[in-house]
Amino acid sequence: QITGGGSTNYADSVKGRFTISRTNAKNTMYLQ
């Protein structure tokens, strides 16, 4: 999960492997 301000939190099962991000100007969110 990611807040509007960019703070993130992850489930333990994916922590350290997944990265969530967002580009508000493009109304787009990503999951690496």
PDB file of all heavy atoms in Angstrom:
ATOM      1  N   GLN A   1       0.832  -1.189   0.000  1.00  0.00           N
ATOM      2  CA  GLN A   1       0.000   0.000   0.000  1.00  0.00           C
ATOM      3  C   GLN A   1       0.870   1.243   0.000  1.00  0.00           C
ATOM      4  O   GLN A   1       2.017   1.211   0.472  1.00  0.00           O
ATOM      5  CB  GLN A   1      -0.954   0.008   1.191  1.00  0.00           C
ATOM      6  CG  GLN A   1      -0.291  -0.109   2.536  1.00  0.00           C
ATOM      7  CD  GLN A   1      -1.328  -0.233   3.650  1.00  0.00           C
ATOM      8  OE1 GLN A   1      -2.243   0.571   3.761  1.00  0.00           O
ATOM      9  NE2 GLN A   1      -1.196  -1.261   4.484  1.00  0.00           N
ATOM     10  N   ILE A   2       0.303   2.326  -0.530  1.00  0.00           N
ATOM     11  CA  ILE A   2       1.042   3.576  -0.611  1.00  0.00           C
ATOM     12  C   ILE A   2       0.060   4.707  -0.363  1.00  0.00           C
ATOM     13  O   ILE A   2      -1.049   4.729  -0.901  1.00  0.00           O
ATOM     14  CB  ILE A   2       1.753   3.711  -1.980  1.00  0.00           C
ATOM     15  CG1 ILE A   2       2.606   4.967  -2.039  1.00  0.00           C
ATOM     16  CG2 ILE A   2       0.766   3.662  -3.146  1.00  0.00           C
ATOM     17  CD1 ILE A   2       3.558   4.992  -3.231  1.00  0.00           C
ATOM     18  N   THR A   3       0.467   5.667   0.464  1.00  0.00           N
ATOM     19  CA  THR A   3      -0.381   6.807   0.741  1.00  0.00           C
ATOM     20  C   THR A   3      -0.278   7.828  -0.386  1.00  0.00           C
ATOM     21  O   THR A   3       0.603   7.734  -1.249  1.00  0.00           O
ATOM     22  CB  THR A   3       0.007   7.475   2.059  1.00  0.00           C
ATOM     23  OG1 THR A   3       1.303   8.074   1.910  1.00  0.00           O
ATOM     24  CG2 THR A   3       0.045   6.473   3.209  1.00  0.00           C
ATOM     25  N   GLY A   4      -1.152   8.813  -0.364  1.00  0.00           N
ATOM     26  CA  GLY A   4      -1.072   9.873  -1.353  1.00  0.00           C
ATOM     27  C   GLY A   4       0.272  10.593  -1.306  1.00  0.00           C
ATOM     28  O   GLY A   4       0.762  11.057  -2.330  1.00  0.00           O
ATOM     29  N   GLY A   5       0.876  10.638  -0.122  1.00  0.00           N
ATOM     30  CA  GLY A   5       2.164  11.295   0.050  1.00  0.00           C
ATOM     31  C   GLY A   5       3.366  10.412  -0.226  1.00  0.00           C
ATOM     32  O   GLY A   5       4.499  10.878  -0.177  1.00  0.00           O
ATOM     33  N   GLY A   6       3.113   9.124  -0.495  1.00  0.00           N
ATOM     34  CA  GLY A   6       4.212   8.245  -0.887  1.00  0.00           C
ATOM     35  C   GLY A   6       4.725   7.313   0.196  1.00  0.00           C
ATOM     36  O   GLY A   6       5.666   6.543  -0.051  1.00  0.00           O
ATOM     37  N   SER A   7       4.139   7.317   1.374  1.00  0.00           N
ATOM     38  CA  SER A   7       4.561   6.365   2.403  1.00  0.00           C
ATOM     39  C   SER A   7       4.059   4.973   2.031  1.00  0.00           C
ATOM     40  O   SER A   7       2.958   4.824   1.527  1.00  0.00           O
ATOM     41  CB  SER A   7       3.999   6.765   3.761  1.00  0.00           C
ATOM     42  OG  SER A   7       4.500   8.019   4.163  1.00  0.00           O
ATOM     43  N   THR A   8       4.889   3.976   2.292  1.00  0.00           N
ATOM     44  CA  THR A   8       4.583   2.613   1.845  1.00  0.00           C
ATOM     45  C   THR A   8       4.555   1.618   2.999  1.00  0.00           C
ATOM     46  O   THR A   8       5.159   1.850   4.055  1.00  0.00           O
ATOM     47  CB  THR A   8       5.611   2.141   0.806  1.00  0.00           C
ATOM     48  OG1 THR A   8       6.921   2.158   1.405  1.00  0.00           O
ATOM     49  CG2 THR A   8       5.613   3.043  -0.407  1.00  0.00           C
ATOM     50  N   ASN A   9       3.861   0.520   2.755  1.00  0.00           N
ATOM     51  CA  ASN A   9       3.830  -0.571   3.714  1.00  0.00           C
ATOM     52  C   ASN A   9       3.624  -1.857   2.925  1.00  0.00           C
ATOM     53  O   ASN A   9       2.966  -1.850   1.869  1.00  0.00           O
ATOM     54  CB  ASN A   9       2.698  -0.384   4.732  1.00  0.00           C
ATOM     55  CG  ASN A   9       2.888  -1.245   5.960  1.00  0.00           C
ATOM     56  OD1 ASN A   9       3.997  -1.679   6.255  1.00  0.00           O
ATOM     57  ND2 ASN A   9       1.806  -1.512   6.664  1.00  0.00           N
ATOM     58  N   TYR A  10       4.187  -2.960   3.436  1.00  0.00           N
ATOM     59  CA  TYR A  10       4.160  -4.219   2.700  1.00  0.00           C
ATOM     60  C   TYR A  10       3.764  -5.384   3.602  1.00  0.00           C
ATOM     61  O   TYR A  10       4.046  -5.383   4.807  1.00  0.00           O
ATOM     62  CB  TYR A  10       5.555  -4.514   2.125  1.00  0.00           C
ATOM     63  CG  TYR A  10       6.047  -3.472   1.166  1.00  0.00           C
ATOM     64  CD1 TYR A  10       6.798  -2.387   1.607  1.00  0.00           C
ATOM     65  CD2 TYR A  10       5.751  -3.551  -0.195  1.00  0.00           C
ATOM     66  CE1 TYR A  10       7.246  -1.414   0.731  1.00  0.00           C
ATOM     67  CE2 TYR A  10       6.194  -2.592  -1.085  1.00  0.00           C
ATOM     68  CZ  TYR A  10       6.944  -1.524  -0.604  1.00  0.00           C
ATOM     69  OH  TYR A  10       7.383  -0.562  -1.494  1.00  0.00           O
ATOM     70  N   ALA A  11       3.135  -6.380   2.988  1.00  0.00           N
ATOM     71  CA  ALA A  11       2.906  -7.632   3.691  1.00  0.00           C
ATOM     72  C   ALA A  11       4.261  -8.300   3.934  1.00  0.00           C
ATOM     73  O   ALA A  11       5.191  -8.150   3.129  1.00  0.00           O
ATOM     74  CB  ALA A  11       2.019  -8.545   2.865  1.00  0.00           C
ATOM     75  N   ASP A  12       4.361  -9.027   5.028  1.00  0.00           N
ATOM     76  CA  ASP A  12       5.628  -9.675   5.365  1.00  0.00           C
ATOM     77  C   ASP A  12       6.104 -10.599   4.240  1.00  0.00           C
ATOM     78  O   ASP A  12       7.308 -10.747   4.011  1.00  0.00           O
ATOM     79  CB  ASP A  12       5.476 -10.474   6.664  1.00  0.00           C
ATOM     80  CG  ASP A  12       5.387  -9.582   7.884  1.00  0.00           C
ATOM     81  OD1 ASP A  12       5.749  -8.394   7.789  1.00  0.00           O
ATOM     82  OD2 ASP A  12       4.928 -10.081   8.935  1.00  0.00           O
ATOM     83  N   SER A  13       5.167 -11.212   3.531  1.00  0.00           N
ATOM     84  CA  SER A  13       5.519 -12.187   2.497  1.00  0.00           C
ATOM     85  C   SER A  13       6.233 -11.564   1.301  1.00  0.00           C
ATOM     86  O   SER A  13       6.896 -12.280   0.540  1.00  0.00           O
ATOM     87  CB  SER A  13       4.271 -12.922   2.025  1.00  0.00           C
ATOM     88  OG  SER A  13       3.322 -12.017   1.481  1.00  0.00           O
ATOM     89  N   VAL A  14       6.117 -10.253   1.120  1.00  0.00           N
ATOM     90  CA  VAL A  14       6.730  -9.606  -0.049  1.00  0.00           C
ATOM     91  C   VAL A  14       7.754  -8.553   0.340  1.00  0.00           C
ATOM     92  O   VAL A  14       8.429  -7.990  -0.534  1.00  0.00           O
ATOM     93  CB  VAL A  14       5.660  -8.976  -0.968  1.00  0.00           C
ATOM     94  CG1 VAL A  14       4.602  -9.996  -1.339  1.00  0.00           C
ATOM     95  CG2 VAL A  14       5.027  -7.752  -0.331  1.00  0.00           C
ATOM     96  N   LYS A  15       7.889  -8.280   1.615  1.00  0.00           N
ATOM     97  CA  LYS A  15       8.791  -7.238   2.086  1.00  0.00           C
ATOM     98  C   LYS A  15      10.226  -7.525   1.630  1.00  0.00           C
ATOM     99  O   LYS A  15      10.715  -8.653   1.755  1.00  0.00           O
ATOM    100  CB  LYS A  15       8.706  -7.141   3.609  1.00  0.00           C
ATOM    101  CG  LYS A  15       9.204  -5.851   4.201  1.00  0.00           C
ATOM    102  CD  LYS A  15       8.881  -5.770   5.695  1.00  0.00           C
ATOM    103  CE  LYS A  15       7.385  -5.686   5.933  1.00  0.00           C
ATOM    104  NZ  LYS A  15       7.065  -5.526   7.378  1.00  0.00           N
ATOM    105  N   GLY A  16      10.861  -6.512   1.076  1.00  0.00           N
ATOM    106  CA  GLY A  16      12.232  -6.665   0.598  1.00  0.00           C
ATOM    107  C   GLY A  16      12.330  -7.139  -0.844  1.00  0.00           C
ATOM    108  O   GLY A  16      13.416  -7.112  -1.433  1.00  0.00           O
ATOM    109  N   ARG A  17      11.209  -7.569  -1.409  1.00  0.00           N
ATOM    110  CA  ARG A  17      11.208  -8.064  -2.790  1.00  0.00           C
ATOM    111  C   ARG A  17      10.345  -7.204  -3.707  1.00  0.00           C
ATOM    112  O   ARG A  17      10.651  -7.066  -4.894  1.00  0.00           O
ATOM    113  CB  ARG A  17      10.697  -9.504  -2.840  1.00  0.00           C
ATOM    114  CG  ARG A  17      11.531 -10.483  -2.038  1.00  0.00           C
ATOM    115  CD  ARG A  17      11.069 -11.930  -2.260  1.00  0.00           C
ATOM    116  NE  ARG A  17       9.695 -12.146  -1.820  1.00  0.00           N
ATOM    117  CZ  ARG A  17       8.720 -12.548  -2.630  1.00  0.00           C
ATOM    118  NH1 ARG A  17       8.958 -12.762  -3.918  1.00  0.00           N
ATOM    119  NH2 ARG A  17       7.492 -12.744  -2.152  1.00  0.00           N
ATOM    120  N   PHE A  18       9.269  -6.647  -3.183  1.00  0.00           N
ATOM    121  CA  PHE A  18       8.340  -5.836  -3.969  1.00  0.00           C
ATOM    122  C   PHE A  18       8.510  -4.368  -3.582  1.00  0.00           C
ATOM    123  O   PHE A  18       8.778  -4.048  -2.412  1.00  0.00           O
ATOM    124  CB  PHE A  18       6.896  -6.238  -3.692  1.00  0.00           C
ATOM    125  CG  PHE A  18       6.480  -7.578  -4.238  1.00  0.00           C
ATOM    126  CD1 PHE A  18       7.405  -8.493  -4.741  1.00  0.00           C
ATOM    127  CD2 PHE A  18       5.138  -7.922  -4.263  1.00  0.00           C
ATOM    128  CE1 PHE A  18       7.012  -9.720  -5.243  1.00  0.00           C
ATOM    129  CE2 PHE A  18       4.721  -9.149  -4.764  1.00  0.00           C
ATOM    130  CZ  PHE A  18       5.660 -10.045  -5.241  1.00  0.00           C
ATOM    131  N   THR A  19       8.305  -3.491  -4.569  1.00  0.00           N
ATOM    132  CA  THR A  19       8.341  -2.054  -4.331  1.00  0.00           C
ATOM    133  C   THR A  19       7.138  -1.405  -4.995  1.00  0.00           C
ATOM    134  O   THR A  19       6.948  -1.544  -6.208  1.00  0.00           O
ATOM    135  CB  THR A  19       9.627  -1.425  -4.887  1.00  0.00           C
ATOM    136  OG1 THR A  19      10.770  -2.060  -4.292  1.00  0.00           O
ATOM    137  CG2 THR A  19       9.669   0.067  -4.572  1.00  0.00           C
ATOM    138  N   ILE A  20       6.347  -0.713  -4.208  1.00  0.00           N
ATOM    139  CA  ILE A  20       5.180  -0.001  -4.720  1.00  0.00           C
ATOM    140  C   ILE A  20       5.555   1.463  -4.924  1.00  0.00           C
ATOM    141  O   ILE A  20       6.316   2.038  -4.136  1.00  0.00           O
ATOM    142  CB  ILE A  20       3.975  -0.148  -3.761  1.00  0.00           C
ATOM    143  CG1 ILE A  20       2.700   0.413  -4.385  1.00  0.00           C
ATOM    144  CG2 ILE A  20       4.268   0.503  -2.413  1.00  0.00           C
ATOM    145  CD1 ILE A  20       1.442   0.116  -3.567  1.00  0.00           C
ATOM    146  N   SER A  21       5.043   2.062  -5.996  1.00  0.00           N
ATOM    147  CA  SER A  21       5.301   3.473  -6.273  1.00  0.00           C
ATOM    148  C   SER A  21       4.124   4.039  -7.049  1.00  0.00           C
ATOM    149  O   SER A  21       3.251   3.293  -7.501  1.00  0.00           O
ATOM    150  CB  SER A  21       6.616   3.648  -7.043  1.00  0.00           C
ATOM    151  OG  SER A  21       6.556   2.982  -8.296  1.00  0.00           O
ATOM    152  N   ARG A  22       4.129   5.349  -7.195  1.00  0.00           N
ATOM    153  CA  ARG A  22       3.028   5.989  -7.908  1.00  0.00           C
ATOM    154  C   ARG A  22       3.523   7.254  -8.593  1.00  0.00           C
ATOM    155  O   ARG A  22       4.474   7.898  -8.114  1.00  0.00           O
ATOM    156  CB  ARG A  22       1.884   6.314  -6.951  1.00  0.00           C
ATOM    157  CG  ARG A  22       2.217   7.325  -5.882  1.00  0.00           C
ATOM    158  CD  ARG A  22       1.154   7.357  -4.781  1.00  0.00           C
ATOM    159  NE  ARG A  22      -0.139   7.802  -5.285  1.00  0.00           N
ATOM    160  CZ  ARG A  22      -1.291   7.668  -4.617  1.00  0.00           C
ATOM    161  NH1 ARG A  22      -1.287   7.082  -3.424  1.00  0.00           N
ATOM    162  NH2 ARG A  22      -2.420   8.112  -5.122  1.00  0.00           N
ATOM    163  N   THR A  23       2.859   7.602  -9.696  1.00  0.00           N
ATOM    164  CA  THR A  23       3.082   8.869 -10.382  1.00  0.00           C
ATOM    165  C   THR A  23       1.730   9.562 -10.449  1.00  0.00           C
ATOM    166  O   THR A  23       0.898   9.248 -11.309  1.00  0.00           O
ATOM    167  CB  THR A  23       3.656   8.660 -11.787  1.00  0.00           C
ATOM    168  OG1 THR A  23       4.883   7.931 -11.707  1.00  0.00           O
ATOM    169  CG2 THR A  23       3.901   9.992 -12.466  1.00  0.00           C
ATOM    170  N   ASN A  24       1.498  10.472  -9.522  1.00  0.00           N
ATOM    171  CA  ASN A  24       0.177  11.093  -9.431  1.00  0.00           C
ATOM    172  C   ASN A  24      -0.196  11.860 -10.695  1.00  0.00           C
ATOM    173  O   ASN A  24      -1.371  11.881 -11.084  1.00  0.00           O
ATOM    174  CB  ASN A  24       0.119  12.005  -8.208  1.00  0.00           C
ATOM    175  CG  ASN A  24       0.085  11.225  -6.901  1.00  0.00           C
ATOM    176  OD1 ASN A  24      -0.301  10.054  -6.872  1.00  0.00           O
ATOM    177  ND2 ASN A  24       0.515  11.855  -5.828  1.00  0.00           N
ATOM    178  N   ALA A  25       0.767  12.465 -11.338  1.00  0.00           N
ATOM    179  CA  ALA A  25       0.487  13.242 -12.549  1.00  0.00           C
ATOM    180  C   ALA A  25      -0.053  12.360 -13.668  1.00  0.00           C
ATOM    181  O   ALA A  25      -0.704  12.869 -14.592  1.00  0.00           O
ATOM    182  CB  ALA A  25       1.747  13.967 -13.000  1.00  0.00           C
ATOM    183  N   LYS A  26       0.222  11.065 -13.599  1.00  0.00           N
ATOM    184  CA  LYS A  26      -0.243  10.133 -14.623  1.00  0.00           C
ATOM    185  C   LYS A  26      -1.356   9.222 -14.111  1.00  0.00           C
ATOM    186  O   LYS A  26      -1.766   8.290 -14.812  1.00  0.00           O
ATOM    187  CB  LYS A  26       0.915   9.278 -15.130  1.00  0.00           C
ATOM    188  CG  LYS A  26       1.998  10.055 -15.859  1.00  0.00           C
ATOM    189  CD  LYS A  26       3.069   9.125 -16.412  1.00  0.00           C
ATOM    190  CE  LYS A  26       4.128   9.900 -17.176  1.00  0.00           C
ATOM    191  NZ  LYS A  26       5.168   8.995 -17.728  1.00  0.00           N
ATOM    192  N   ASN A  27      -1.827   9.485 -12.886  1.00  0.00           N
ATOM    193  CA  ASN A  27      -2.848   8.617 -12.287  1.00  0.00           C
ATOM    194  C   ASN A  27      -2.449   7.151 -12.367  1.00  0.00           C
ATOM    195  O   ASN A  27      -3.296   6.272 -12.634  1.00  0.00           O
ATOM    196  CB  ASN A  27      -4.213   8.827 -12.957  1.00  0.00           C
ATOM    197  CG  ASN A  27      -4.946  10.039 -12.409  1.00  0.00           C
ATOM    198  OD1 ASN A  27      -4.352  10.913 -11.789  1.00  0.00           O
ATOM    199  ND2 ASN A  27      -6.234  10.093 -12.647  1.00  0.00           N
ATOM    200  N   THR A  28      -1.190   6.869 -12.133  1.00  0.00           N
ATOM    201  CA  THR A  28      -0.659   5.523 -12.323  1.00  0.00           C
ATOM    202  C   THR A  28       0.094   5.057 -11.088  1.00  0.00           C
ATOM    203  O   THR A  28       0.816   5.833 -10.459  1.00  0.00           O
ATOM    204  CB  THR A  28       0.262   5.471 -13.549  1.00  0.00           C
ATOM    205  OG1 THR A  28      -0.452   5.918 -14.702  1.00  0.00           O
ATOM    206  CG2 THR A  28       0.762   4.056 -13.803  1.00  0.00           C
ATOM    207  N   MET A  29      -0.085   3.786 -10.778  1.00  0.00           N
ATOM    208  CA  MET A  29       0.617   3.152  -9.668  1.00  0.00           C
ATOM    209  C   MET A  29       1.365   1.933 -10.219  1.00  0.00           C
ATOM    210  O   MET A  29       0.928   1.335 -11.207  1.00  0.00           O
ATOM    211  CB  MET A  29      -0.381   2.718  -8.591  1.00  0.00           C
ATOM    212  CG  MET A  29       0.222   2.044  -7.391  1.00  0.00           C
ATOM    213  SD  MET A  29      -1.016   1.726  -6.104  1.00  0.00           S
ATOM    214  CE  MET A  29      -2.078   0.524  -6.906  1.00  0.00           C
ATOM    215  N   TYR A  30       2.467   1.603  -9.581  1.00  0.00           N
ATOM    216  CA  TYR A  30       3.311   0.517 -10.061  1.00  0.00           C
ATOM    217  C   TYR A  30       3.606  -0.471  -8.931  1.00  0.00           C
ATOM    218  O   TYR A  30       3.552  -0.130  -7.754  1.00  0.00           O
ATOM    219  CB  TYR A  30       4.637   1.058 -10.593  1.00  0.00           C
ATOM    220  CG  TYR A  30       4.477   2.145 -11.627  1.00  0.00           C
ATOM    221  CD1 TYR A  30       4.522   3.484 -11.258  1.00  0.00           C
ATOM    222  CD2 TYR A  30       4.268   1.832 -12.965  1.00  0.00           C
ATOM    223  CE1 TYR A  30       4.368   4.486 -12.189  1.00  0.00           C
ATOM    224  CE2 TYR A  30       4.110   2.830 -13.908  1.00  0.00           C
ATOM    225  CZ  TYR A  30       4.163   4.162 -13.522  1.00  0.00           C
ATOM    226  OH  TYR A  30       4.002   5.147 -14.452  1.00  0.00           O
ATOM    227  N   LEU A  31       3.950  -1.687  -9.338  1.00  0.00           N
ATOM    228  CA  LEU A  31       4.462  -2.670  -8.389  1.00  0.00           C
ATOM    229  C   LEU A  31       5.635  -3.379  -9.053  1.00  0.00           C
ATOM    230  O   LEU A  31       5.444  -4.156  -9.991  1.00  0.00           O
ATOM    231  CB  LEU A  31       3.396  -3.681  -7.980  1.00  0.00           C
ATOM    232  CG  LEU A  31       3.807  -4.652  -6.865  1.00  0.00           C
ATOM    233  CD1 LEU A  31       4.011  -3.897  -5.548  1.00  0.00           C
ATOM    234  CD2 LEU A  31       2.778  -5.768  -6.689  1.00  0.00           C
ATOM    235  N   GLN A  32       6.838  -3.081  -8.588  1.00  0.00           N
ATOM    236  CA  GLN A  32       8.033  -3.765  -9.058  1.00  0.00           C
ATOM    237  C   GLN A  32       8.213  -5.012  -8.215  1.00  0.00           C
ATOM    238  O   GLN A  32       8.331  -4.929  -6.988  1.00  0.00           O
ATOM    239  CB  GLN A  32       9.254  -2.860  -8.928  1.00  0.00           C
ATOM    240  CG  GLN A  32      10.559  -3.522  -9.341  1.00  0.00           C
ATOM    241  CD  GLN A  32      10.610  -3.830 -10.819  1.00  0.00           C
ATOM    242  OE1 GLN A  32      10.219  -3.012 -11.655  1.00  0.00           O
ATOM    243  NE2 GLN A  32      11.094  -5.025 -11.175  1.00  0.00           N
TER     244      GLN A  32
END
